[in-house]
C-alpha atoms as a PDB file:
ATOM      1  CA  MET A   1      86.089 168.810  95.928  1.00  0.00           C
ATOM      2  CA  LYS A   2      87.109 166.421  93.166  1.00  0.00           C
ATOM      3  CA  MET A   3      87.851 162.840  94.118  1.00  0.00           C
ATOM      4  CA  ASP A   4      91.060 161.512  92.621  1.00  0.00           C
ATOM      5  CA  LYS A   5      91.000 157.874  91.635  1.00  0.00           C
ATOM      6  CA  PRO A   6      94.072 155.784  92.357  1.00  0.00           C
ATOM      7  CA  GLU A   7      96.538 154.970  89.579  1.00  0.00           C
ATOM      8  CA  ILE A   8      95.245 152.015  87.600  1.00  0.00           C
ATOM      9  CA  ILE A   9      98.638 150.260  87.392  1.00  0.00           C
ATOM     10  CA  GLN A  10      98.979 150.387  91.183  1.00  0.00           C
ATOM     11  CA  ILE A  11      95.463 148.999  91.668  1.00  0.00           C
ATOM     12  CA  ILE A  12      96.085 146.121  89.264  1.00  0.00           C
ATOM     13  CA  GLU A  13      99.417 145.311  90.909  1.00  0.00           C
ATOM     14  CA  GLN A  14      97.848 145.478  94.387  1.00  0.00           C
ATOM     15  CA  ALA A  15      95.270 142.959  93.168  1.00  0.00           C
ATOM     16  CA  GLY A  16      98.169 140.550  92.528  1.00  0.00           C
ATOM     17  CA  PHE A  17      98.791 140.998  88.813  1.00  0.00           C
ATOM     18  CA  LYS A  18     102.009 141.959  87.067  1.00  0.00           C
ATOM     19  CA  PRO A  19     101.382 143.975  83.908  1.00  0.00           C
ATOM     20  CA  ARG A  20     104.259 144.213  81.426  1.00  0.00           C
ATOM     21  CA  ARG A  21     105.203 147.483  79.750  1.00  0.00           C
ATOM     22  CA  LYS A  22     105.175 147.550  75.944  1.00  0.00           C
ATOM     23  CA  GLY A  23     105.743 151.055  74.622  1.00  0.00           C
ATOM     24  CA  LYS A  24     103.463 153.562  76.335  1.00  0.00           C
ATOM     25  CA  SER A  25     101.011 150.879  77.459  1.00  0.00           C
ATOM     26  CA  PHE A  26     101.025 147.902  79.767  1.00  0.00           C
ATOM     27  CA  TRP A  27      99.683 144.459  78.875  1.00  0.00           C
ATOM     28  CA  LEU A  28      98.282 141.697  81.040  1.00  0.00           C
ATOM     29  CA  SER A  29      96.700 138.295  80.582  1.00  0.00           C
ATOM     30  CA  CYS A  30      93.085 139.142  81.318  1.00  0.00           C
ATOM     31  CA  PRO A  31      91.929 137.996  84.758  1.00  0.00           C
ATOM     32  CA  PHE A  32      88.286 138.016  83.644  1.00  0.00           C
ATOM     33  CA  HIS A  33      88.480 135.153  81.143  1.00  0.00           C
ATOM     34  CA  GLU A  34      90.904 132.351  80.252  1.00  0.00           C
ATOM     35  CA  ASP A  35      93.701 134.032  78.434  1.00  0.00           C
ATOM     36  CA  ARG A  36      96.891 132.399  77.129  1.00  0.00           C
ATOM     37  CA  THR A  37      98.457 135.577  75.825  1.00  0.00           C
ATOM     38  CA  PRO A  38      98.141 139.110  77.180  1.00  0.00           C
ATOM     39  CA  SER A  39      95.005 140.647  75.699  1.00  0.00           C
ATOM     40  CA  MET A  40      94.304 143.347  78.290  1.00  0.00           C
ATOM     41  CA  LYS A  41      95.803 146.732  77.455  1.00  0.00           C
ATOM     42  CA  ILE A  42      96.294 149.211  80.279  1.00  0.00           C
ATOM     43  CA  ASP A  43      96.709 152.849  79.310  1.00  0.00           C
ATOM     44  CA  PRO A  44      98.334 154.731  82.201  1.00  0.00           C
ATOM     45  CA  GLU A  45      97.853 158.063  80.420  1.00  0.00           C
ATOM     46  CA  LYS A  46      94.074 157.651  80.183  1.00  0.00           C
ATOM     47  CA  GLN A  47      93.891 155.561  83.382  1.00  0.00           C
ATOM     48  CA  THR A  48      91.859 152.860  81.607  1.00  0.00           C
ATOM     49  CA  PHE A  49      92.039 149.190  80.735  1.00  0.00           C
ATOM     50  CA  PHE A  50      90.493 147.204  77.898  1.00  0.00           C
ATOM     51  CA  CYS A  51      90.556 143.493  77.105  1.00  0.00           C
ATOM     52  CA  PHE A  52      90.443 142.704  73.409  1.00  0.00           C
ATOM     53  CA  GLY A  53      89.390 139.130  74.237  1.00  0.00           C
ATOM     54  CA  CYS A  54      86.300 139.603  76.406  1.00  0.00           C
ATOM     55  CA  GLN A  55      85.649 143.297  75.596  1.00  0.00           C
ATOM     56  CA  THR A  56      85.804 144.293  79.281  1.00  0.00           C
ATOM     57  CA  GLY A  57      87.135 147.737  80.029  1.00  0.00           C
ATOM     58  CA  GLY A  58      86.978 150.689  82.350  1.00  0.00           C
ATOM     59  CA  ASP A  59      88.933 152.527  85.013  1.00  0.00           C
ATOM     60  CA  SER A  60      90.447 151.572  88.363  1.00  0.00           C
ATOM     61  CA  ILE A  61      87.052 151.481  90.083  1.00  0.00           C
ATOM     62  CA  SER A  62      85.472 149.258  87.441  1.00  0.00           C
ATOM     63  CA  PHE A  63      88.514 146.950  87.583  1.00  0.00           C
ATOM     64  CA  ILE A  64      87.977 146.484  91.325  1.00  0.00           C
ATOM     65  CA  GLN A  65      84.233 146.033  90.804  1.00  0.00           C
ATOM     66  CA  LYS A  66      84.768 143.302  88.226  1.00  0.00           C
ATOM     67  CA  HIS A  67      87.693 141.605  89.972  1.00  0.00           C
ATOM     68  CA  TYR A  68      86.070 141.352  93.402  1.00  0.00           C
ATOM     69  CA  GLY A  69      82.423 141.314  92.311  1.00  0.00           C
ATOM     70  CA  LEU A  70      81.634 144.549  94.152  1.00  0.00           C
ATOM     71  CA  SER A  71      79.097 147.288  93.641  1.00  0.00           C
ATOM     72  CA  PHE A  72      80.339 150.728  92.690  1.00  0.00           C
ATOM     73  CA  LYS A  73      79.892 151.971  96.249  1.00  0.00           C
ATOM     74  CA  ASP A  74      81.720 148.957  97.732  1.00  0.00           C
ATOM     75  CA  ALA A  75      84.539 149.289  95.189  1.00  0.00           C
ATOM     76  CA  CYS A  76      84.989 152.923  96.252  1.00  0.00           C
ATOM     77  CA  LYS A  77      85.124 151.809  99.892  1.00  0.00           C
ATOM     78  CA  HIS A  78      87.641 149.087  98.966  1.00  0.00           C
ATOM     79  CA  LEU A  79      89.820 151.773  97.400  1.00  0.00           C
ATOM     80  CA  ASN A  80      89.362 154.039 100.435  1.00  0.00           C
ATOM     81  CA  LEU A  81      87.547 156.621  98.359  1.00  0.00           C
ATOM     82  CA  HIS A  82      85.234 158.010 100.984  1.00  0.00           C
ATOM     83  CA  GLU A  83      84.510 161.364  99.390  1.00  0.00           C
ATOM     84  CA  PRO A  84      81.149 161.172  97.647  1.00  0.00           C
ATOM     85  CA  PHE A  85      80.989 161.948  93.980  1.00  0.00           C
ATOM     86  CA  LYS A  86      79.491 165.351  93.474  1.00  0.00           C
ATOM     87  CA  ILE A  87      77.258 165.552  90.476  1.00  0.00           C
ATOM     88  CA  ASN A  88      77.074 168.956  88.892  1.00  0.00           C
ATOM     89  CA  SER A  89      73.326 169.339  88.529  1.00  0.00           C
ATOM     90  CA  GLU A  90      73.681 171.897  85.714  1.00  0.00           C
ATOM     91  CA  ALA A  91      75.971 169.594  83.754  1.00  0.00           C
ATOM     92  CA  GLN A  92      73.641 166.657  84.429  1.00  0.00           C
ATOM     93  CA  LYS A  93      70.636 168.705  83.306  1.00  0.00           C
ATOM     94  CA  LYS A  94      72.432 169.733  80.105  1.00  0.00           C
ATOM     95  CA  LYS A  95      73.436 166.127  79.423  1.00  0.00           C
ATOM     96  CA  THR A  96      69.812 165.000  79.869  1.00  0.00           C
ATOM     97  CA  LEU A  97      68.548 167.734  77.541  1.00  0.00           C
ATOM     98  CA  VAL A  98      71.124 166.903  74.875  1.00  0.00           C
ATOM     99  CA  LYS A  99      70.261 163.204  75.134  1.00  0.00           C
ATOM    100  CA  GLY A 100      66.553 163.990  74.711  1.00  0.00           C
ATOM    101  CA  PHE A 101      67.307 166.210  71.731  1.00  0.00           C
ATOM    102  CA  ARG A 102      69.440 163.497  70.070  1.00  0.00           C
ATOM    103  CA  GLU A 103      66.646 160.959  70.613  1.00  0.00           C
ATOM    104  CA  TRP A 104      64.150 163.354  69.017  1.00  0.00           C
ATOM    105  CA  GLU A 105      66.547 163.940  66.113  1.00  0.00           C
ATOM    106  CA  THR A 106      66.928 160.201  65.460  1.00  0.00           C
ATOM    107  CA  THR A 107      63.199 159.496  65.795  1.00  0.00           C
ATOM    108  CA  PHE A 108      62.233 162.394  63.530  1.00  0.00           C
ATOM    109  CA  ARG A 109      64.772 161.336  60.897  1.00  0.00           C
ATOM    110  CA  VAL A 110      63.388 157.780  60.927  1.00  0.00           C
ATOM    111  CA  GLU A 111      59.792 159.051  60.666  1.00  0.00           C
ATOM    112  CA  LEU A 112      60.653 161.320  57.726  1.00  0.00           C
ATOM    113  CA  THR A 113      62.627 158.602  55.966  1.00  0.00           C
ATOM    114  CA  ASP A 114      59.785 156.105  56.434  1.00  0.00           C
ATOM    115  CA  PHE A 115      57.239 158.624  55.118  1.00  0.00           C
ATOM    116  CA  TYR A 116      59.391 159.417  52.096  1.00  0.00           C
ATOM    117  CA  ARG A 117      60.085 155.758  51.286  1.00  0.00           C
ATOM    118  CA  ASP A 118      56.466 154.650  51.817  1.00  0.00           C
ATOM    119  CA  PHE A 119      55.108 157.552  49.777  1.00  0.00           C
ATOM    120  CA  HIS A 120      57.290 156.690  46.793  1.00  0.00           C
ATOM    121  CA  ALA A 121      56.492 152.988  47.104  1.00  0.00           C
ATOM    122  CA  ILE A 122      52.748 153.709  47.027  1.00  0.00           C
ATOM    123  CA  THR A 123      52.728 156.437  44.374  1.00  0.00           C
ATOM    124  CA  ARG A 124      54.963 154.759  41.787  1.00  0.00           C
ATOM    125  CA  ASP A 125      52.079 152.471  40.824  1.00  0.00           C
ATOM    126  CA  LEU A 126      49.407 155.178  40.494  1.00  0.00           C
ATOM    127  CA  GLN A 127      47.746 155.051  37.099  1.00  0.00           C
ATOM    128  CA  THR A 128      44.865 157.531  37.093  1.00  0.00           C
ATOM    129  CA  TRP A 129      44.453 161.180  38.086  1.00  0.00           C
ATOM    130  CA  GLU A 130      41.833 160.142  40.620  1.00  0.00           C
ATOM    131  CA  GLU A 131      44.419 157.943  42.351  1.00  0.00           C
ATOM    132  CA  VAL A 132      46.914 160.811  42.286  1.00  0.00           C
ATOM    133  CA  GLU A 133      44.349 163.201  43.794  1.00  0.00           C
ATOM    134  CA  ASP A 134      43.926 160.808  46.737  1.00  0.00           C
ATOM    135  CA  PHE A 135      47.553 161.573  47.676  1.00  0.00           C
ATOM    136  CA  GLU A 136      47.498 165.303  46.910  1.00  0.00           C
ATOM    137  CA  ASP A 137      48.252 166.357  50.511  1.00  0.00           C
ATOM    138  CA  ASP A 138      51.155 163.925  50.684  1.00  0.00           C
ATOM    139  CA  PHE A 139      52.563 165.204  47.374  1.00  0.00           C
ATOM    140  CA  ASN A 140      52.633 168.674  48.909  1.00  0.00           C
ATOM    141  CA  LEU A 141      54.541 167.390  51.967  1.00  0.00           C
ATOM    142  CA  ILE A 142      57.416 165.818  49.998  1.00  0.00           C
ATOM    143  CA  PRO A 143      59.423 169.071  49.515  1.00  0.00           C
ATOM    144  CA  LEU A 144      59.023 169.828  53.233  1.00  0.00           C
ATOM    145  CA  ALA A 145      60.142 166.312  54.185  1.00  0.00           C
ATOM    146  CA  GLU A 146      63.160 166.653  51.878  1.00  0.00           C
ATOM    147  CA  TYR A 147      64.004 170.030  53.439  1.00  0.00           C
ATOM    148  CA  PHE A 148      63.790 168.632  56.965  1.00  0.00           C
ATOM    149  CA  LEU A 149      65.885 165.596  56.018  1.00  0.00           C
ATOM    150  CA  GLU A 150      68.508 167.904  54.525  1.00  0.00           C
ATOM    151  CA  ILE A 151      68.729 169.809  57.813  1.00  0.00           C
ATOM    152  CA  LEU A 152      68.915 166.601  59.870  1.00  0.00           C
ATOM    153  CA  THR A 153      71.554 165.125  57.574  1.00  0.00           C
ATOM    154  CA  ASN A 154      73.771 168.088  56.733  1.00  0.00           C
ATOM    155  CA  GLY A 155      72.744 170.895  59.079  1.00  0.00           C
ATOM    156  CA  THR A 156      74.651 172.199  62.053  1.00  0.00           C
ATOM    157  CA  ASP A 157      73.463 171.469  65.572  1.00  0.00           C
ATOM    158  CA  GLN A 158      72.050 175.000  65.649  1.00  0.00           C
ATOM    159  CA  ASP A 159      70.079 174.333  62.435  1.00  0.00           C
ATOM    160  CA  LYS A 160      68.747 171.101  63.927  1.00  0.00           C
ATOM    161  CA  TYR A 161      67.820 172.825  67.180  1.00  0.00           C
ATOM    162  CA  ASN A 162      65.994 175.594  65.274  1.00  0.00           C
ATOM    163  CA  LEU A 163      64.074 172.910  63.391  1.00  0.00           C
ATOM    164  CA  TYR A 164      63.275 171.190  66.696  1.00  0.00           C
ATOM    165  CA  LYS A 165      61.906 174.437  68.180  1.00  0.00           C
ATOM    166  CA  ARG A 166      59.865 175.058  65.021  1.00  0.00           C
ATOM    167  CA  ILE A 167      58.366 171.569  65.077  1.00  0.00           C
ATOM    168  CA  LYS A 168      57.600 171.743  68.813  1.00  0.00           C
ATOM    169  CA  GLU A 169      55.873 175.144  68.424  1.00  0.00           C
ATOM    170  CA  ASN A 170      53.546 173.669  65.797  1.00  0.00           C
ATOM    171  CA  GLU A 171      52.592 170.546  67.741  1.00  0.00           C
END
């Protein structure tokens, strides 16, 4: 069963504020900082608020949390939302996996970029063949690093995932 949150305009008005309509949105002098002119935009379509002054934003629950200094659980009680939030474990698992993949992607891109930059910084000053031979293995890795960077920069998510699987199999 999905829990429906109360309308944000109603919650703000019940808290004693009077937002003014301007076009599709409502505006309010922000209750979370000193505000001479209305800087808080309330979007009834998205059921969100955002203050351009103090950068505070959220939904009806987070408004109650911030306004009354309540925890999430207490704000839900304040709003008479007694149904517990049901977390779809499959969706949560997928979200965790995607987050881990994106972290790997970022870390791997940084490692490749650092290798590429450091390699070129070191090798541009080589003057003898003996010095070049010391970096022979690294010279052979440059095309592979460029290929991987190309996938991470311009590849599809499927290309990136295939690269991820390939790298993990060889670890």
